[in-house]
Protein backbone atom coordinates (compact mmCIF):
# COMPACT_ATOMS: atom_id res chain seq x y z
CA MET A 1 20.02 5.34 11.92
CA SER A 2 20.72 3.60 8.39
CA ASP A 3 19.69 4.65 4.90
CA LEU A 4 17.26 2.05 3.77
CA LEU A 5 16.30 3.37 0.41
CA THR A 6 19.92 3.88 -1.35
CA PRO A 7 20.32 0.36 -1.51
CA ILE A 8 16.95 -0.43 -2.93
CA ILE A 9 17.84 2.14 -5.67
CA ARG A 10 21.16 1.48 -6.14
CA ALA A 11 19.83 -2.38 -6.76
CA MET A 12 17.00 -1.12 -9.25
CA ARG A 13 18.97 1.05 -11.40
CA LYS A 14 21.81 -2.25 -11.96
CA GLY A 15 18.51 -4.32 -13.03
CA ILE A 16 18.86 -6.64 -10.42
CA GLY A 17 16.27 -5.55 -7.86
CA PRO A 18 12.68 -4.34 -7.74
CA ALA A 19 11.24 -0.79 -7.34
CA ILE A 20 9.49 -0.36 -4.44
CA PRO A 21 6.03 0.96 -3.95
CA SER A 22 4.97 3.85 -1.83
CA VAL A 23 1.92 3.46 0.16
CA CYS A 24 0.62 6.62 0.69
CA SER A 25 -1.95 6.38 3.11
CA ALA A 26 -3.06 7.09 6.84
CA HIS A 27 -5.59 4.04 6.63
CA PRO A 28 -4.99 1.34 9.52
CA ASP A 29 -6.00 -1.52 7.14
CA VAL A 30 -4.00 -0.60 4.20
CA ILE A 31 -0.84 0.73 6.29
CA ALA A 32 -0.96 -2.71 7.86
CA ALA A 33 -1.24 -4.18 4.45
CA GLY A 34 1.32 -2.32 3.42
CA LEU A 35 3.40 -3.93 5.86
CA ARG A 36 2.29 -7.49 5.24
CA LEU A 37 3.35 -7.21 2.11
CA ALA A 38 6.90 -6.08 2.26
CA ARG A 39 7.73 -8.79 5.20
CA GLU A 40 6.08 -11.68 2.57
CA HIS A 41 8.68 -9.63 -0.32
CA ASN A 42 11.49 -9.33 1.84
CA MET A 43 11.85 -5.38 1.48
CA PRO A 44 11.18 -2.66 4.09
CA ALA A 45 7.96 -0.85 3.80
CA LEU A 46 7.61 2.76 2.14
CA ILE A 47 5.09 4.40 3.95
CA GLU A 48 4.52 8.44 3.42
CA ALA A 49 2.24 11.06 4.66
CA THR A 50 1.67 14.11 2.97
CA SER A 51 1.76 17.60 4.07
CA ASN A 52 -2.22 18.36 3.76
CA GLN A 53 -2.58 15.12 6.02
CA VAL A 54 -0.06 15.35 8.36
CA ASN A 55 2.04 18.79 9.72
CA GLN A 56 2.64 20.75 12.68
CA PHE A 57 -0.95 21.87 12.68
CA GLY A 58 -2.21 18.20 12.54
CA GLY A 59 -3.45 18.60 8.84
CA TYR A 60 -6.60 16.59 8.07
CA THR A 61 -5.62 13.39 9.94
CA GLY A 62 -4.91 15.59 13.34
CA MET A 63 -2.08 14.11 13.27
CA THR A 64 1.92 15.59 14.07
CA PRO A 65 4.56 13.79 11.98
CA ALA A 66 5.45 12.10 15.35
CA ASP A 67 2.04 11.67 15.96
CA PHE A 68 1.88 9.52 12.81
CA ILE A 69 4.98 7.82 13.50
CA THR A 70 3.53 6.73 16.53
CA PHE A 71 0.48 5.40 14.48
CA VAL A 72 2.29 3.54 12.21
CA LEU A 73 4.86 1.43 14.61
CA ASP A 74 1.46 0.87 16.73
CA ILE A 75 -0.48 -0.67 13.89
CA ALA A 76 3.02 -2.42 13.33
CA ALA A 77 2.85 -3.80 16.85
CA ALA A 78 -0.77 -4.80 16.92
CA HIS A 79 -0.29 -6.91 13.74
CA GLY A 80 2.81 -8.95 14.75
CA LEU A 81 4.72 -7.25 12.12
CA GLY A 82 7.46 -4.90 14.04
CA ASP A 83 10.30 -6.48 12.66
CA VAL A 84 9.74 -4.81 9.43
CA PRO A 85 11.88 -1.94 8.62
CA VAL A 86 10.07 0.87 7.85
CA ILE A 87 11.27 4.12 5.68
CA LEU A 88 8.54 6.93 6.56
CA GLY A 89 8.49 9.08 4.15
CA GLY A 90 7.28 12.93 3.49
CA ASP A 91 5.24 13.76 1.12
CA HIS A 92 4.70 17.07 -1.16
CA LEU A 93 6.68 18.71 1.70
CA GLY A 94 6.49 22.43 0.85
CA PRO A 95 4.60 25.60 0.85
CA GLN A 96 1.66 23.93 -0.68
CA ALA A 97 -0.47 23.19 2.25
CA TRP A 98 -0.48 27.17 2.55
CA ARG A 99 -0.80 28.57 -0.58
CA ASN A 100 -3.45 30.62 0.04
CA LEU A 101 -0.39 32.76 2.03
CA SER A 102 2.12 35.25 0.69
CA SER A 103 5.23 33.21 -0.09
CA ASP A 104 6.71 34.25 3.13
CA ALA A 105 4.27 32.72 4.98
CA ALA A 106 3.95 29.94 3.56
CA MET A 107 7.73 28.88 3.50
CA SER A 108 8.03 30.30 7.29
CA HIS A 109 5.18 27.34 7.97
CA ALA A 110 6.85 24.94 5.46
CA GLU A 111 10.01 25.38 7.55
CA VAL A 112 8.87 24.49 10.36
CA MET A 113 7.09 21.58 8.99
CA ILE A 114 10.00 20.11 7.47
CA ALA A 115 11.89 20.23 10.71
CA ALA A 116 8.57 18.69 12.46
CA TYR A 117 9.24 15.63 9.80
CA VAL A 118 12.82 15.22 9.94
CA ARG A 119 13.07 15.52 14.42
CA ALA A 120 10.41 12.79 14.18
CA GLY A 121 12.50 10.54 12.39
CA PHE A 122 11.17 10.88 8.92
CA THR A 123 14.10 10.40 6.31
CA LYS A 124 12.40 10.43 2.79
CA ILE A 125 11.44 13.82 2.05
CA HIS A 126 10.13 14.76 -0.93
CA LEU A 127 10.80 18.51 -1.79
CA ASP A 128 7.54 19.90 -3.74
CA CYS A 129 8.11 23.87 -4.30
CA SER A 130 6.46 23.74 -7.38
CA GLU A 131 3.03 25.71 -6.67
CA GLY A 132 2.60 28.99 -6.19
CA CYS A 133 1.44 31.29 -3.24
CA GLN A 134 -0.65 34.19 -3.03
CA GLY A 135 -0.22 36.49 -5.51
CA GLU A 136 2.52 34.20 -8.07
CA PRO A 137 1.09 31.49 -10.56
CA ALA A 138 -0.41 28.63 -9.88
CA GLN A 139 2.81 26.79 -10.98
CA VAL A 140 6.61 28.62 -10.39
CA GLY A 141 8.98 28.32 -12.66
CA ASP A 142 12.00 25.71 -12.30
CA ALA A 143 14.65 28.31 -10.90
CA LEU A 144 12.43 29.48 -7.71
CA ALA A 145 10.92 26.24 -7.06
CA ALA A 146 14.61 25.22 -6.84
CA ALA A 147 15.88 27.48 -4.70
CA ARG A 148 12.92 27.09 -2.54
CA ALA A 149 13.37 23.28 -2.06
CA ALA A 150 17.16 24.20 -1.44
CA ARG A 151 16.41 26.40 1.49
CA LEU A 152 13.67 23.84 2.83
CA ALA A 153 16.98 21.17 2.65
CA THR A 154 18.99 23.27 4.73
CA VAL A 155 16.49 23.28 7.17
CA ALA A 156 15.93 19.18 7.56
CA GLU A 157 19.68 19.10 7.32
CA ALA A 158 20.14 21.18 10.62
CA ALA A 159 17.21 19.66 12.40
CA ALA A 160 17.90 16.05 11.69
CA PRO A 161 19.03 13.83 14.23
CA ASP A 162 21.77 11.92 11.68
CA PRO A 163 21.52 13.87 8.39
CA GLU A 164 23.02 10.76 6.67
CA ALA A 165 19.79 9.09 6.85
CA LEU A 166 17.87 11.37 4.43
CA THR A 167 16.92 11.04 1.33
CA TYR A 168 15.37 13.68 -0.93
CA ILE A 169 13.11 13.54 -4.15
CA VAL A 170 12.82 16.52 -6.29
CA GLY A 171 10.93 18.06 -9.07
CA THR A 172 8.81 20.58 -10.34
CA GLU A 173 6.18 18.88 -12.72
CA VAL A 174 4.39 16.89 -9.95
CA PRO A 175 0.98 15.91 -10.12
CA PRO A 176 -1.58 16.64 -7.80
CA PRO A 177 -2.06 14.59 -4.34
CA GLY A 178 -4.73 11.94 -5.36
CA GLY A 179 -4.73 11.82 -8.97
CA ALA A 180 -6.09 15.06 -11.75
CA ARG A 181 -9.65 16.44 -10.49
CA HIS A 182 -10.67 16.37 -14.02
CA ASP A 183 -10.82 13.68 -16.83
CA ASP A 184 -8.49 14.56 -19.51
CA GLU A 185 -7.25 12.17 -21.98
CA GLY A 186 -4.31 14.12 -22.68
CA ILE A 187 -1.46 13.08 -20.20
CA GLN A 188 2.10 13.66 -21.59
CA PRO A 189 5.56 12.09 -20.55
CA THR A 190 7.89 14.97 -19.10
CA PRO A 191 9.96 15.62 -22.12
CA PRO A 192 13.71 15.11 -21.52
CA GLY A 193 14.64 18.54 -21.73
CA ASN A 194 12.59 19.74 -19.05
CA ALA A 195 14.05 17.00 -16.60
CA ARG A 196 17.24 17.85 -17.40
CA ALA A 197 16.51 21.42 -16.40
CA THR A 198 15.12 20.88 -13.40
CA LEU A 199 18.16 18.58 -12.24
CA ALA A 200 19.92 21.31 -13.26
CA ALA A 201 18.16 24.34 -11.50
CA HIS A 202 18.27 21.99 -8.12
CA GLU A 203 21.74 21.28 -8.25
CA GLU A 204 22.65 25.20 -8.95
CA ALA A 205 20.13 26.27 -6.26
CA PHE A 206 21.45 23.77 -3.70
CA ALA A 207 25.17 24.49 -3.99
CA ALA A 208 24.16 28.26 -3.70
CA ALA A 209 22.55 27.15 -0.48
CA GLY A 210 25.18 25.98 0.53
CA ALA A 211 23.55 22.31 0.41
CA SER A 212 26.28 19.92 -1.28
CA ALA A 213 26.07 17.60 1.05
CA ALA A 214 22.17 17.31 0.82
CA TRP A 215 22.19 17.02 -2.81
CA ALA A 216 24.56 14.26 -2.57
CA ARG A 217 21.52 12.60 -1.01
CA VAL A 218 18.83 13.64 -3.83
CA ARG A 219 17.34 10.21 -4.98
CA GLY A 220 14.62 10.39 -6.66
CA LEU A 221 13.34 13.01 -9.65
CA VAL A 222 9.63 13.38 -9.60
CA VAL A 223 8.32 13.13 -13.23
CA GLN A 224 5.56 12.19 -15.04
CA PRO A 225 5.81 8.93 -16.96
CA GLY A 226 2.60 8.90 -18.92
CA LEU A 227 -0.24 7.74 -16.32
CA GLU A 228 -2.70 9.00 -14.62
CA PHE A 229 -6.32 8.68 -13.16
CA ALA A 230 -9.70 10.97 -12.87
CA PRO A 231 -12.72 10.24 -11.14
CA ALA A 232 -14.54 8.75 -13.56
CA SER A 233 -10.99 7.31 -16.00
CA ILE A 234 -7.58 6.03 -16.09
CA HIS A 235 -4.79 7.47 -18.38
CA ARG A 236 -3.27 3.97 -19.11
CA PHE A 237 0.51 3.88 -19.56
CA ASP A 238 1.55 3.40 -23.05
CA LEU A 239 3.65 0.02 -22.69
CA SER A 240 4.76 0.75 -26.61
CA GLN A 241 6.03 4.28 -26.10
CA ALA A 242 10.04 4.93 -26.19
CA ASP A 243 12.24 5.15 -23.05
CA ALA A 244 13.24 8.76 -24.14
CA LEU A 245 13.81 9.81 -20.06
CA SER A 246 16.22 7.28 -19.07
CA PRO A 247 19.01 9.34 -20.62
CA VAL A 248 18.94 12.42 -18.11
CA LEU A 249 19.61 10.14 -15.44
CA GLY A 250 22.94 8.93 -16.63
CA ALA A 251 25.63 7.14 -15.24
CA ASN A 252 24.24 8.16 -11.71
CA ASP A 253 23.35 4.61 -10.41
CA LEU A 254 22.13 6.42 -7.05
CA LEU A 255 19.46 7.93 -8.87
CA CYS A 256 15.81 7.05 -10.05
CA PHE A 257 12.21 8.46 -11.37
CA GLU A 258 9.97 8.46 -8.65
CA ALA A 259 6.43 8.01 -10.47
CA HIS A 260 3.06 9.72 -8.76
CA SER A 261 -0.47 8.46 -9.30
CA THR A 262 0.57 4.88 -10.49
CA ASP A 263 -3.22 3.66 -9.18
CA TYR A 264 -5.41 1.13 -10.70
CA GLN A 265 -2.91 0.60 -13.64
CA SER A 266 -1.83 -3.19 -14.20
CA PRO A 267 1.46 -4.98 -12.91
CA GLU A 268 3.16 -4.84 -16.73
CA VAL A 269 2.97 -1.86 -16.34
CA TYR A 270 4.65 -1.48 -12.93
CA ALA A 271 7.36 -4.13 -14.25
CA ASP A 272 7.60 -1.80 -17.59
CA LEU A 273 8.32 1.30 -15.53
CA THR A 274 11.04 -0.30 -13.37
CA MET A 275 12.71 -1.33 -16.64
CA ARG A 276 12.34 2.52 -16.95
CA ASN A 277 14.28 3.12 -14.10
CA PHE A 278 11.21 4.40 -11.93
CA GLY A 279 12.59 2.81 -8.57
CA ILE A 280 9.50 4.50 -6.49
CA LEU A 281 5.91 4.28 -7.46
CA LYS A 282 3.57 5.85 -5.18
CA VAL A 283 -0.14 4.51 -4.73
CA GLY A 284 -2.73 5.74 -2.69
CA PRO A 285 -6.51 6.20 -3.68
CA ALA A 286 -6.50 2.83 -4.89
CA LEU A 287 -5.87 1.17 -2.16
CA THR A 288 -8.51 2.43 -0.03
CA PHE A 289 -11.20 2.04 -3.14
CA ALA A 290 -10.32 -1.64 -2.52
CA TRP A 291 -10.51 -1.68 1.18
CA ARG A 292 -14.40 0.07 0.60
CA GLU A 293 -14.73 -2.09 -2.54
CA ALA A 294 -14.50 -5.30 0.00
CA LEU A 295 -16.00 -3.15 3.07
CA TYR A 296 -19.26 -2.45 0.37
CA ALA A 297 -19.08 -6.57 -0.11
CA LEU A 298 -19.57 -7.43 3.43
CA SER A 299 -21.97 -4.92 3.84
CA HIS A 300 -24.04 -6.86 1.20
CA VAL A 301 -23.35 -10.45 2.86
CA ARG A 302 -24.44 -9.30 6.15
CA ALA A 303 -27.84 -7.87 4.84
CA TRP A 304 -28.35 -11.58 3.50
CA ILE A 305 -27.47 -12.86 6.73
CA ASP A 306 -29.60 -10.40 9.60
CA GLY A 307 -30.70 -7.90 6.90
CA SER A 308 -28.97 -4.88 8.34
CA PRO A 309 -29.04 -1.41 5.71
CA HIS A 310 -26.24 -1.70 3.63
CA ILE A 311 -23.12 0.97 5.23
CA SER A 312 -23.28 2.87 2.17
CA GLU A 313 -26.39 4.57 3.12
CA ARG A 314 -24.46 6.04 6.33
CA MET A 315 -21.45 6.64 4.22
CA GLU A 316 -23.94 9.00 1.58
CA ALA A 317 -25.67 10.79 4.91
CA LEU A 318 -21.85 11.72 6.34
CA MET A 319 -20.72 13.04 2.40
CA LEU A 320 -23.72 15.31 2.05
CA GLU A 321 -23.38 16.76 5.80
CA GLN A 322 -19.75 17.41 5.19
CA PRO A 323 -19.31 17.94 1.39
CA LYS A 324 -15.55 19.89 1.51
CA TYR A 325 -13.86 16.86 0.95
CA TRP A 326 -15.67 15.87 -2.28
CA GLN A 327 -17.04 19.52 -3.92
CA GLY A 328 -14.67 20.75 -6.44
CA HIS A 329 -13.62 17.38 -7.19
CA TYR A 330 -16.36 15.37 -8.53
CA HIS A 331 -18.72 17.20 -11.45
CA GLY A 332 -22.27 16.10 -12.47
CA GLU A 333 -25.19 16.05 -10.77
CA GLY A 334 -28.35 13.92 -9.62
CA ASP A 335 -27.22 9.99 -9.68
CA SER A 336 -24.21 10.44 -11.81
CA LEU A 337 -22.66 12.90 -9.08
CA ARG A 338 -23.85 10.07 -6.31
CA LEU A 339 -22.11 7.40 -8.08
CA MET A 340 -18.88 9.49 -7.92
CA ARG A 341 -19.08 10.00 -4.27
CA HIS A 342 -19.14 6.12 -3.51
CA PHE A 343 -17.16 4.84 -6.88
CA GLY A 344 -15.08 7.51 -8.19
CA TYR A 345 -11.37 6.87 -8.88
CA ALA A 346 -10.06 9.52 -6.45
CA ASP A 347 -11.59 7.91 -3.64
CA ARG A 348 -12.77 11.19 -1.81
CA ILE A 349 -14.78 8.91 0.50
CA ARG A 350 -12.04 8.02 2.33
CA TYR A 351 -11.89 11.22 4.13
CA TYR A 352 -14.74 9.87 5.85
CA TRP A 353 -14.29 6.66 7.00
CA PRO A 354 -12.71 8.18 10.70
CA ARG A 355 -16.13 9.54 11.18
CA ALA A 356 -18.25 6.04 10.69
CA GLU A 357 -15.56 3.59 12.42
CA ALA A 358 -18.35 2.92 15.46
CA GLU A 359 -20.41 1.45 11.91
CA VAL A 360 -16.91 -0.47 10.90
CA GLN A 361 -16.68 -2.17 13.73
CA GLY A 362 -20.20 -3.06 14.16
CA LEU A 363 -20.28 -4.60 10.38
CA CYS A 364 -17.53 -6.38 11.62
CA ALA A 365 -18.18 -7.49 14.80
CA ALA A 366 -21.32 -8.97 13.06
CA LEU A 367 -19.58 -10.91 10.62
CA ASP A 368 -17.20 -12.43 13.41
CA GLY A 369 -17.74 -16.38 12.77
CA PRO A 370 -17.74 -18.69 10.14
CA LEU A 371 -19.50 -17.43 6.84
CA PRO A 372 -20.95 -18.97 4.15
CA ALA A 373 -19.30 -19.19 1.09
CA PRO A 374 -21.52 -19.27 -1.50
CA LEU A 375 -22.61 -16.24 -0.14
CA LEU A 376 -19.13 -14.67 0.52
CA GLN A 377 -17.98 -15.99 -3.36
CA GLN A 378 -21.17 -14.02 -4.76
CA TYR A 379 -19.41 -10.73 -3.70
CA LEU A 380 -15.47 -11.36 -3.55
CA PRO A 381 -12.80 -12.48 -5.43
CA PRO A 382 -11.67 -16.27 -5.13
CA ALA A 383 -7.98 -14.56 -4.48
CA THR A 384 -9.21 -12.33 -1.75
CA LEU A 385 -10.76 -15.18 0.00
CA GLU A 386 -7.82 -17.11 -0.52
CA ARG A 387 -5.57 -14.58 1.17
CA ALA A 388 -7.81 -14.04 3.80
CA ALA A 389 -7.89 -17.69 4.94
CA ARG A 390 -4.40 -17.32 6.04
CA LEU A 391 -4.29 -13.93 8.23
CA ASP A 392 -4.65 -14.44 12.01
CA LEU A 393 -7.63 -11.94 12.01
CA PRO A 394 -11.15 -11.99 12.47
CA PRO A 395 -13.14 -12.66 9.25
CA ALA A 396 -13.91 -9.22 8.41
CA ARG A 397 -11.27 -7.52 8.97
CA ALA A 398 -8.89 -10.17 7.50
CA ILE A 399 -10.96 -9.96 3.72
CA LEU A 400 -10.71 -6.04 4.24
CA GLN A 401 -6.45 -6.38 4.77
CA ALA A 402 -6.36 -9.02 1.97
CA HIS A 403 -8.52 -7.49 -0.61
CA VAL A 404 -5.87 -4.37 0.07
CA GLU A 405 -2.89 -6.64 0.05
CA GLN A 406 -4.33 -7.95 -3.51
CA THR A 407 -3.78 -4.55 -4.78
CA LEU A 408 -0.61 -3.86 -3.53
CA ALA A 409 0.95 -7.07 -4.83
CA ALA A 410 0.48 -5.91 -8.36
CA TYR A 411 3.58 -3.72 -7.24
CA TYR A 412 5.89 -7.01 -6.36
CA PRO A 413 7.13 -8.69 -9.56
CA GLU A 414 7.38 -12.04 -8.50
CA GLU A 415 11.11 -11.61 -10.29
CA THR A 416 13.27 -9.35 -9.96
CA CYS A 417 12.97 -6.95 -12.90
């Protein structure tokens, strides 16, 4: 099994290749769009699952790591994309899914999870031990996080069918999965001294754990570049800020930065981040946000054609019946809270689509035929309609995937950076 990530990072560090977008989603249409864009740009597709989403107990998707790989490969086969090289990543792999337990119990679960990921075939492993467990601070220090990461790396090395195919991502300044919970304009880049200290702590911990071979396969350091999104706002990256972080990497052209929560930024930001040695750009909620955007547009189209109620009515009922996926993430009351449930940048509605699969399928089936161009143009941008026309899919499904592709396309510059 070859390591597909290292050549991309090396080329990016030498200034002759782009960064790679990381599609963090379990949505079938989003995964299909990610695979298609990767093939269009002659790159591997990097698709990641999180520890809360996929783990040995099933996570919130109900999938184990082996199930998720089968899920991705089946989507690729169904769309004629089986020839696309795929890098499968595990995101936020550590004790955080069980942080309400003691550290011993949480780390034991994390060890089983890491082993399950690498045995299944995941090769990009993000070791995230930054969050505290029961009785610990919310964020633990570099030394403890690094020691726990090294412990999990030794488990991964022992469990992997081919350890040389593995690559690791480390870092303790890790933003929460899915964006910040509150609107906060105080986002600051990671200080270079903090980044150096994190690298040093991990190198020392890996050596102490006898995991020097794993340390040689570390390819990314998670740092905060100075961007974020929250339910109702986007903290835009400041293109004019000096690049203070790149010197932290030194001459090691096998190491790059990984940026989380890059959703909703402009194409210029992604190109600029690449120049600042951010080789891995993670995106997730913005892609399902785009999918929901297209689905709601199609529901408006259907309402004009046959008078059907808008699918948002069904989604509102589902979210009120089972509020656990949005409560604590959105704040307010009445109409403002209702708007966030449907249109918040955190896109917590994505957790409810599996429960509305019949309604989505019915909507797509009702639009399975030529649709009035003026009506489509009322609700959907020309670029989406042009891209959809090139896809060999039923009309509604083509529009859904094309709109996701338009969002993801911003991560692929026409020319290498």
